[in-house]
């Protein structure tokens, strides 16, 4: 033992003492060395477990923050896509109205009919890709 050690007397019940003695003999070491090894392992393992909780909390916070940034980016892309789609839709509707000389009511009726068909198409499960389609 080196100079920077301290002595500690510990009392064990008979069963625990006998178990320590048999384990030390099996491992071919002194009971004191076995108790020091077990004590060190248990204390460092407790520290590890408490640090693991801290690490898990940090990872979850970082993941939540990253997914928040990702979701914000996705919402921005979806908003831009919605504007582009709406622009295309109304441009096509305007061109059709001019080519066929439709009134405002006829254009609105045509739009409503097309939109209802599109919604029905999307809601029809046979027309949507399944999870099996990949």
Protein backbone atom coordinates (compact mmCIF):
# COMPACT_ATOMS: atom_id res chain seq x y z
CA UNK A 1 0.00 0.00 0.00
CA UNK A 2 1.18 3.50 -0.73
CA UNK A 3 1.40 6.37 1.77
CA UNK A 4 -1.84 8.09 0.65
CA UNK A 5 -4.19 5.48 2.07
CA UNK A 6 -6.57 5.53 5.02
CA UNK A 7 -7.72 2.65 7.18
CA UNK A 8 -11.40 1.79 7.56
CA UNK A 9 -12.73 -0.97 9.78
CA UNK A 10 -15.92 -2.55 8.49
CA UNK A 11 -18.13 -5.12 10.23
CA UNK A 12 -19.95 -7.80 8.21
CA UNK A 13 -22.51 -10.37 9.23
CA UNK A 14 -21.26 -13.97 9.22
CA UNK A 15 -22.83 -14.92 5.88
CA UNK A 16 -21.39 -11.90 4.06
CA UNK A 17 -17.99 -12.44 5.66
CA UNK A 18 -17.95 -16.10 4.60
CA UNK A 19 -19.00 -15.17 1.05
CA UNK A 20 -16.22 -12.58 0.83
CA UNK A 21 -13.72 -15.11 2.15
CA UNK A 22 -14.75 -17.82 -0.36
CA UNK A 23 -14.73 -15.30 -3.25
CA UNK A 24 -11.28 -14.01 -2.27
CA UNK A 25 -9.93 -17.57 -2.09
CA UNK A 26 -11.47 -18.43 -5.47
CA UNK A 27 -9.86 -15.35 -7.01
CA UNK A 28 -6.61 -16.02 -5.17
CA UNK A 29 -6.51 -12.63 -3.48
CA UNK A 30 -6.79 -11.23 0.03
CA UNK A 31 -10.19 -10.26 1.42
CA UNK A 32 -8.95 -6.68 1.85
CA UNK A 33 -7.96 -6.49 -1.84
CA UNK A 34 -11.32 -7.95 -2.86
CA UNK A 35 -13.23 -5.45 -0.70
CA UNK A 36 -11.12 -2.56 -2.10
CA UNK A 37 -11.80 -3.77 -5.67
CA UNK A 38 -15.53 -4.15 -5.08
CA UNK A 39 -15.75 -0.80 -3.29
CA UNK A 40 -13.89 0.98 -6.07
CA UNK A 41 -16.03 -0.68 -8.74
CA UNK A 42 -19.31 0.14 -7.00
CA UNK A 43 -18.35 3.75 -6.33
CA UNK A 44 -17.11 4.39 -9.85
CA UNK A 45 -20.11 2.56 -11.31
CA UNK A 46 -22.47 4.83 -9.32
CA UNK A 47 -20.64 7.88 -10.66
CA UNK A 48 -20.89 6.42 -14.16
CA UNK A 49 -24.62 5.82 -13.76
CA UNK A 50 -25.24 9.37 -12.52
CA UNK A 51 -23.13 10.81 -15.37
CA UNK A 52 -25.01 8.60 -17.81
CA UNK A 53 -28.23 10.30 -16.71
CA UNK A 54 -26.64 13.72 -17.30
CA UNK A 55 -25.37 12.60 -20.70
CA UNK A 56 -28.77 11.23 -21.66
CA UNK A 57 -30.40 14.55 -20.71
CA UNK A 58 -27.85 16.46 -22.80
CA UNK A 59 -28.37 14.17 -25.80
CA UNK A 60 -32.15 14.51 -25.58
CA UNK A 61 -31.89 18.31 -25.39
CA UNK A 62 -29.54 18.41 -28.38
CA UNK A 63 -31.82 16.07 -30.34
CA UNK A 64 -34.88 18.16 -29.49
CA UNK A 65 -33.09 21.34 -30.58
CA UNK A 66 -31.87 19.77 -33.83
CA UNK A 67 -35.30 18.37 -34.65
CA UNK A 68 -36.81 21.81 -33.95
CA UNK A 69 -34.46 23.38 -36.50
CA UNK A 70 -35.26 20.59 -38.94
CA UNK A 71 -39.02 21.04 -38.45
CA UNK A 72 -38.69 24.81 -38.97
CA UNK A 73 -36.85 24.19 -42.24
CA UNK A 74 -39.47 21.69 -43.33
CA UNK A 75 -42.31 24.13 -42.58
CA UNK A 76 -40.52 26.81 -44.59
CA UNK A 77 -40.08 24.46 -47.55
CA UNK A 78 -43.72 23.36 -47.36
CA UNK A 79 -44.91 26.98 -47.27
CA UNK A 80 -42.82 27.85 -50.34
CA UNK A 81 -44.08 24.74 -52.13
CA UNK A 82 -47.69 25.65 -51.29
CA UNK A 83 -47.22 29.14 -52.74
CA UNK A 84 -45.59 27.71 -55.89
CA UNK A 85 -48.41 25.17 -56.30
CA UNK A 86 -51.12 27.78 -55.79
CA UNK A 87 -49.42 30.13 -58.28
CA UNK A 88 -49.28 27.34 -60.87
CA UNK A 89 -52.88 26.36 -60.25
CA UNK A 90 -54.23 29.89 -60.61
CA UNK A 91 -52.04 30.57 -63.64
CA UNK A 92 -53.43 27.49 -65.40
CA UNK A 93 -56.96 28.47 -64.39
CA UNK A 94 -56.44 32.00 -65.75
CA UNK A 95 -55.08 30.69 -69.06
CA UNK A 96 -58.02 28.28 -69.41
CA UNK A 97 -60.50 31.06 -68.59
CA UNK A 98 -58.97 33.26 -71.31
CA UNK A 99 -58.77 30.49 -73.93
CA UNK A 100 -62.36 29.34 -73.36
CA UNK A 101 -63.66 32.82 -72.56
CA UNK A 102 -65.13 31.73 -69.21
CA UNK A 103 -66.90 34.06 -66.86
CA UNK A 104 -65.72 34.36 -63.25
CA UNK A 105 -68.52 32.00 -62.16
CA UNK A 106 -67.52 29.40 -64.77
CA UNK A 107 -63.88 29.60 -63.66
CA UNK A 108 -64.89 29.17 -60.04
CA UNK A 109 -67.14 26.21 -60.90
CA UNK A 110 -64.30 24.59 -62.91
CA UNK A 111 -61.88 25.15 -60.00
CA UNK A 112 -64.31 23.66 -57.45
CA UNK A 113 -64.93 20.61 -59.65
CA UNK A 114 -61.20 20.00 -60.17
CA UNK A 115 -60.45 20.50 -56.49
CA UNK A 116 -63.18 18.06 -55.42
CA UNK A 117 -61.84 15.45 -57.86
CA UNK A 118 -58.29 15.97 -56.56
CA UNK A 119 -59.42 15.58 -52.94
CA UNK A 120 -61.33 12.41 -53.82
CA UNK A 121 -58.28 11.08 -55.67
CA UNK A 122 -56.02 11.69 -52.67
CA UNK A 123 -58.52 10.19 -50.23
CA UNK A 124 -58.92 7.04 -52.35
CA UNK A 125 -56.53 4.55 -50.76
CA UNK A 126 -56.06 2.69 -54.02
CA UNK A 127 -54.50 5.81 -55.57
CA UNK A 128 -52.06 6.51 -52.73
CA UNK A 129 -48.76 4.67 -52.39
CA UNK A 130 -48.78 2.06 -49.66
CA UNK A 131 -45.98 1.35 -47.20
CA UNK A 132 -45.25 -1.83 -49.16
CA UNK A 133 -44.62 0.19 -52.33
CA UNK A 134 -41.59 1.67 -50.56
